[in-house]
Amino acid sequence: MPRKILDTCVGCGSCQAACPVDAISEGDIFKVDPDKCVDCGACQEACPTDSITEE
């Protein structure tokens, strides 16, 4: 199941750097492309604000 980035995202970019398949892009907050996400959890582990969850 792809991950979702919550509104509590502070835009630090840790998730984007941790993603092995470049499924995260920058916007108002970072966003996960569900078609690219392989559900590895690397972004969730890298997030310092616990703003990433399973959809």
PDB file of N, CA and C in Angstrom:
ATOM      1  N   MET A   1       0.853  -1.182   0.000  1.00  0.00           N
ATOM      2  CA  MET A   1       0.000   0.000   0.000  1.00  0.00           C
ATOM      3  C   MET A   1       0.896   1.242   0.000  1.00  0.00           C
ATOM      4  N   PRO A   2       0.685   2.181  -0.912  1.00  0.00           N
ATOM      5  CA  PRO A   2       1.509   3.393  -0.968  1.00  0.00           C
ATOM      6  C   PRO A   2       1.388   4.232   0.295  1.00  0.00           C
ATOM      7  N   ARG A   3       2.410   4.989   0.554  1.00  0.00           N
ATOM      8  CA  ARG A   3       2.440   5.866   1.726  1.00  0.00           C
ATOM      9  C   ARG A   3       1.767   7.193   1.408  1.00  0.00           C
ATOM     10  N   LYS A   4       1.354   7.897   2.428  1.00  0.00           N
ATOM     11  CA  LYS A   4       0.742   9.217   2.286  1.00  0.00           C
ATOM     12  C   LYS A   4       1.461  10.171   3.225  1.00  0.00           C
ATOM     13  N   ILE A   5       1.730  11.388   2.749  1.00  0.00           N
ATOM     14  CA  ILE A   5       2.381  12.398   3.572  1.00  0.00           C
ATOM     15  C   ILE A   5       1.305  13.332   4.113  1.00  0.00           C
ATOM     16  N   LEU A   6       1.282  13.476   5.420  1.00  0.00           N
ATOM     17  CA  LEU A   6       0.254  14.256   6.105  1.00  0.00           C
ATOM     18  C   LEU A   6       0.572  15.750   6.109  1.00  0.00           C
ATOM     19  N   ASP A   7      -0.410  16.550   6.493  1.00  0.00           N
ATOM     20  CA  ASP A   7      -0.261  18.005   6.555  1.00  0.00           C
ATOM     21  C   ASP A   7       0.760  18.459   7.592  1.00  0.00           C
ATOM     22  N   THR A   8       1.196  17.562   8.455  1.00  0.00           N
ATOM     23  CA  THR A   8       2.194  17.925   9.451  1.00  0.00           C
ATOM     24  C   THR A   8       3.610  17.949   8.872  1.00  0.00           C
ATOM     25  N   CYS A   9       3.735  17.640   7.599  1.00  0.00           N
ATOM     26  CA  CYS A   9       5.026  17.680   6.903  1.00  0.00           C
ATOM     27  C   CYS A   9       5.624  19.083   7.008  1.00  0.00           C
ATOM     28  N   VAL A  10       6.911  19.159   7.369  1.00  0.00           N
ATOM     29  CA  VAL A  10       7.585  20.447   7.490  1.00  0.00           C
ATOM     30  C   VAL A  10       8.459  20.748   6.270  1.00  0.00           C
ATOM     31  N   GLY A  11       8.449  19.869   5.278  1.00  0.00           N
ATOM     32  CA  GLY A  11       9.176  20.113   4.038  1.00  0.00           C
ATOM     33  C   GLY A  11      10.677  19.974   4.136  1.00  0.00           C
ATOM     34  N   CYS A  12      11.163  19.120   5.015  1.00  0.00           N
ATOM     35  CA  CYS A  12      12.613  18.992   5.217  1.00  0.00           C
ATOM     36  C   CYS A  12      13.305  18.222   4.094  1.00  0.00           C
ATOM     37  N   GLY A  13      12.573  17.352   3.382  1.00  0.00           N
ATOM     38  CA  GLY A  13      13.140  16.597   2.271  1.00  0.00           C
ATOM     39  C   GLY A  13      13.784  15.277   2.638  1.00  0.00           C
ATOM     40  N   SER A  14      13.751  14.908   3.907  1.00  0.00           N
ATOM     41  CA  SER A  14      14.357  13.635   4.319  1.00  0.00           C
ATOM     42  C   SER A  14      13.709  12.453   3.609  1.00  0.00           C
ATOM     43  N   CYS A  15      12.426  12.501   3.435  1.00  0.00           N
ATOM     44  CA  CYS A  15      11.705  11.404   2.783  1.00  0.00           C
ATOM     45  C   CYS A  15      12.113  11.268   1.323  1.00  0.00           C
ATOM     46  N   GLN A  16      12.229  12.392   0.652  1.00  0.00           N
ATOM     47  CA  GLN A  16      12.594  12.394  -0.765  1.00  0.00           C
ATOM     48  C   GLN A  16      13.995  11.800  -0.945  1.00  0.00           C
ATOM     49  N   ALA A  17      14.919  12.175  -0.080  1.00  0.00           N
ATOM     50  CA  ALA A  17      16.284  11.658  -0.158  1.00  0.00           C
ATOM     51  C   ALA A  17      16.334  10.161   0.137  1.00  0.00           C
ATOM     52  N   ALA A  18      15.437   9.674   0.985  1.00  0.00           N
ATOM     53  CA  ALA A  18      15.441   8.265   1.383  1.00  0.00           C
ATOM     54  C   ALA A  18      14.751   7.345   0.386  1.00  0.00           C
ATOM     55  N   CYS A  19      13.920   7.890  -0.476  1.00  0.00           N
ATOM     56  CA  CYS A  19      13.126   7.061  -1.398  1.00  0.00           C
ATOM     57  C   CYS A  19      14.011   6.456  -2.497  1.00  0.00           C
ATOM     58  N   PRO A  20      14.078   5.123  -2.575  1.00  0.00           N
ATOM     59  CA  PRO A  20      14.937   4.478  -3.567  1.00  0.00           C
ATOM     60  C   PRO A  20      14.383   4.480  -4.989  1.00  0.00           C
ATOM     61  N   VAL A  21      13.102   4.828  -5.149  1.00  0.00           N
ATOM     62  CA  VAL A  21      12.495   4.799  -6.479  1.00  0.00           C
ATOM     63  C   VAL A  21      12.001   6.172  -6.931  1.00  0.00           C
ATOM     64  N   ASP A  22      12.447   7.226  -6.278  1.00  0.00           N
ATOM     65  CA  ASP A  22      12.070   8.605  -6.637  1.00  0.00           C
ATOM     66  C   ASP A  22      10.561   8.800  -6.752  1.00  0.00           C
ATOM     67  N   ALA A  23       9.822   8.262  -5.784  1.00  0.00           N
ATOM     68  CA  ALA A  23       8.368   8.365  -5.797  1.00  0.00           C
ATOM     69  C   ALA A  23       7.861   9.607  -5.067  1.00  0.00           C
ATOM     70  N   ILE A  24       8.763  10.403  -4.500  1.00  0.00           N
ATOM     71  CA  ILE A  24       8.343  11.561  -3.711  1.00  0.00           C
ATOM     72  C   ILE A  24       8.768  12.839  -4.416  1.00  0.00           C
ATOM     73  N   SER A  25       7.801  13.753  -4.544  1.00  0.00           N
ATOM     74  CA  SER A  25       8.083  15.027  -5.195  1.00  0.00           C
ATOM     75  C   SER A  25       7.712  16.170  -4.266  1.00  0.00           C
ATOM     76  N   GLU A  26       8.333  17.309  -4.530  1.00  0.00           N
ATOM     77  CA  GLU A  26       8.114  18.484  -3.702  1.00  0.00           C
ATOM     78  C   GLU A  26       6.929  19.272  -4.231  1.00  0.00           C
ATOM     79  N   GLY A  27       6.117  19.784  -3.316  1.00  0.00           N
ATOM     80  CA  GLY A  27       4.986  20.639  -3.637  1.00  0.00           C
ATOM     81  C   GLY A  27       4.784  21.562  -2.456  1.00  0.00           C
ATOM     82  N   ASP A  28       3.544  21.891  -2.128  1.00  0.00           N
ATOM     83  CA  ASP A  28       3.282  22.648  -0.902  1.00  0.00           C
ATOM     84  C   ASP A  28       3.828  21.862   0.286  1.00  0.00           C
ATOM     85  N   ILE A  29       3.533  20.579   0.268  1.00  0.00           N
ATOM     86  CA  ILE A  29       4.199  19.609   1.128  1.00  0.00           C
ATOM     87  C   ILE A  29       4.669  18.531   0.167  1.00  0.00           C
ATOM     88  N   PHE A  30       5.493  17.628   0.612  1.00  0.00           N
ATOM     89  CA  PHE A  30       5.955  16.569  -0.276  1.00  0.00           C
ATOM     90  C   PHE A  30       4.804  15.612  -0.556  1.00  0.00           C
ATOM     91  N   LYS A  31       4.831  14.976  -1.728  1.00  0.00           N
ATOM     92  CA  LYS A  31       3.765  14.065  -2.129  1.00  0.00           C
ATOM     93  C   LYS A  31       4.354  12.762  -2.633  1.00  0.00           C
ATOM     94  N   VAL A  32       3.647  11.675  -2.397  1.00  0.00           N
ATOM     95  CA  VAL A  32       4.061  10.351  -2.842  1.00  0.00           C
ATOM     96  C   VAL A  32       3.263   9.986  -4.097  1.00  0.00           C
ATOM     97  N   ASP A  33       3.964   9.578  -5.151  1.00  0.00           N
ATOM     98  CA  ASP A  33       3.313   9.097  -6.367  1.00  0.00           C
ATOM     99  C   ASP A  33       2.960   7.627  -6.136  1.00  0.00           C
ATOM    100  N   PRO A  34       1.667   7.310  -6.004  1.00  0.00           N
ATOM    101  CA  PRO A  34       1.279   5.924  -5.694  1.00  0.00           C
ATOM    102  C   PRO A  34       1.634   4.936  -6.796  1.00  0.00           C
ATOM    103  N   ASP A  35       1.816   5.407  -8.023  1.00  0.00           N
ATOM    104  CA  ASP A  35       2.186   4.509  -9.117  1.00  0.00           C
ATOM    105  C   ASP A  35       3.656   4.109  -9.061  1.00  0.00           C
ATOM    106  N   LYS A  36       4.482   4.915  -8.405  1.00  0.00           N
ATOM    107  CA  LYS A  36       5.907   4.612  -8.286  1.00  0.00           C
ATOM    108  C   LYS A  36       6.263   3.969  -6.947  1.00  0.00           C
ATOM    109  N   CYS A  37       5.486   4.250  -5.912  1.00  0.00           N
ATOM    110  CA  CYS A  37       5.786   3.778  -4.560  1.00  0.00           C
ATOM    111  C   CYS A  37       5.786   2.250  -4.511  1.00  0.00           C
ATOM    112  N   VAL A  38       6.844   1.688  -3.920  1.00  0.00           N
ATOM    113  CA  VAL A  38       6.956   0.236  -3.779  1.00  0.00           C
ATOM    114  C   VAL A  38       6.706  -0.208  -2.332  1.00  0.00           C
ATOM    115  N   ASP A  39       6.245   0.725  -1.493  1.00  0.00           N
ATOM    116  CA  ASP A  39       5.868   0.436  -0.112  1.00  0.00           C
ATOM    117  C   ASP A  39       7.015  -0.147   0.715  1.00  0.00           C
ATOM    118  N   CYS A  40       8.205   0.422   0.528  1.00  0.00           N
ATOM    119  CA  CYS A  40       9.364  -0.089   1.260  1.00  0.00           C
ATOM    120  C   CYS A  40       9.468   0.490   2.674  1.00  0.00           C
ATOM    121  N   GLY A  41       8.859   1.661   2.903  1.00  0.00           N
ATOM    122  CA  GLY A  41       8.873   2.270   4.224  1.00  0.00           C
ATOM    123  C   GLY A  41      10.081   3.136   4.533  1.00  0.00           C
ATOM    124  N   ALA A  42      10.996   3.278   3.576  1.00  0.00           N
ATOM    125  CA  ALA A  42      12.202   4.084   3.816  1.00  0.00           C
ATOM    126  C   ALA A  42      11.852   5.535   4.129  1.00  0.00           C
ATOM    127  N   CYS A  43      10.866   6.072   3.453  1.00  0.00           N
ATOM    128  CA  CYS A  43      10.462   7.464   3.688  1.00  0.00           C
ATOM    129  C   CYS A  43       9.893   7.631   5.089  1.00  0.00           C
ATOM    130  N   GLN A  44       9.096   6.672   5.506  1.00  0.00           N
ATOM    131  CA  GLN A  44       8.474   6.735   6.830  1.00  0.00           C
ATOM    132  C   GLN A  44       9.525   6.686   7.931  1.00  0.00           C
ATOM    133  N   GLU A  45      10.537   5.865   7.751  1.00  0.00           N
ATOM    134  CA  GLU A  45      11.612   5.774   8.731  1.00  0.00           C
ATOM    135  C   GLU A  45      12.443   7.049   8.775  1.00  0.00           C
ATOM    136  N   ALA A  46      12.588   7.728   7.635  1.00  0.00           N
ATOM    137  CA  ALA A  46      13.415   8.927   7.546  1.00  0.00           C
ATOM    138  C   ALA A  46      12.713  10.190   8.053  1.00  0.00           C
ATOM    139  N   CYS A  47      11.407  10.159   8.154  1.00  0.00           N
ATOM    140  CA  CYS A  47      10.640  11.359   8.511  1.00  0.00           C
ATOM    141  C   CYS A  47      10.791  11.714   9.994  1.00  0.00           C
ATOM    142  N   PRO A  48      11.348  12.913  10.278  1.00  0.00           N
ATOM    143  CA  PRO A  48      11.561  13.304  11.671  1.00  0.00           C
ATOM    144  C   PRO A  48      10.292  13.742  12.400  1.00  0.00           C
ATOM    145  N   THR A  49       9.200  13.986  11.652  1.00  0.00           N
ATOM    146  CA  THR A  49       7.958  14.443  12.283  1.00  0.00           C
ATOM    147  C   THR A  49       6.840  13.405  12.238  1.00  0.00           C
ATOM    148  N   ASP A  50       7.177  12.182  11.871  1.00  0.00           N
ATOM    149  CA  ASP A  50       6.178  11.100  11.761  1.00  0.00           C
ATOM    150  C   ASP A  50       4.981  11.524  10.921  1.00  0.00           C
ATOM    151  N   SER A  51       5.258  12.198   9.803  1.00  0.00           N
ATOM    152  CA  SER A  51       4.198  12.714   8.932  1.00  0.00           C
ATOM    153  C   SER A  51       3.871  11.801   7.769  1.00  0.00           C
ATOM    154  N   ILE A  52       4.408  10.597   7.765  1.00  0.00           N
ATOM    155  CA  ILE A  52       4.142   9.656   6.679  1.00  0.00           C
ATOM    156  C   ILE A  52       3.457   8.444   7.245  1.00  0.00           C
ATOM    157  N   THR A  53       2.373   8.051   6.592  1.00  0.00           N
ATOM    158  CA  THR A  53       1.572   6.937   7.045  1.00  0.00           C
ATOM    159  C   THR A  53       1.164   6.077   5.851  1.00  0.00           C
ATOM    160  N   GLU A  54       0.690   4.886   6.134  1.00  0.00           N
ATOM    161  CA  GLU A  54       0.138   4.054   5.071  1.00  0.00           C
ATOM    162  C   GLU A  54      -1.235   4.593   4.732  1.00  0.00           C
ATOM    163  N   GLU A  55      -1.571   4.600   3.459  1.00  0.00           N
ATOM    164  CA  GLU A  55      -2.880   5.121   3.049  1.00  0.00           C
ATOM    165  C   GLU A  55      -3.980   4.203   3.463  1.00  0.00           C
TER     166      GLU A  55
END
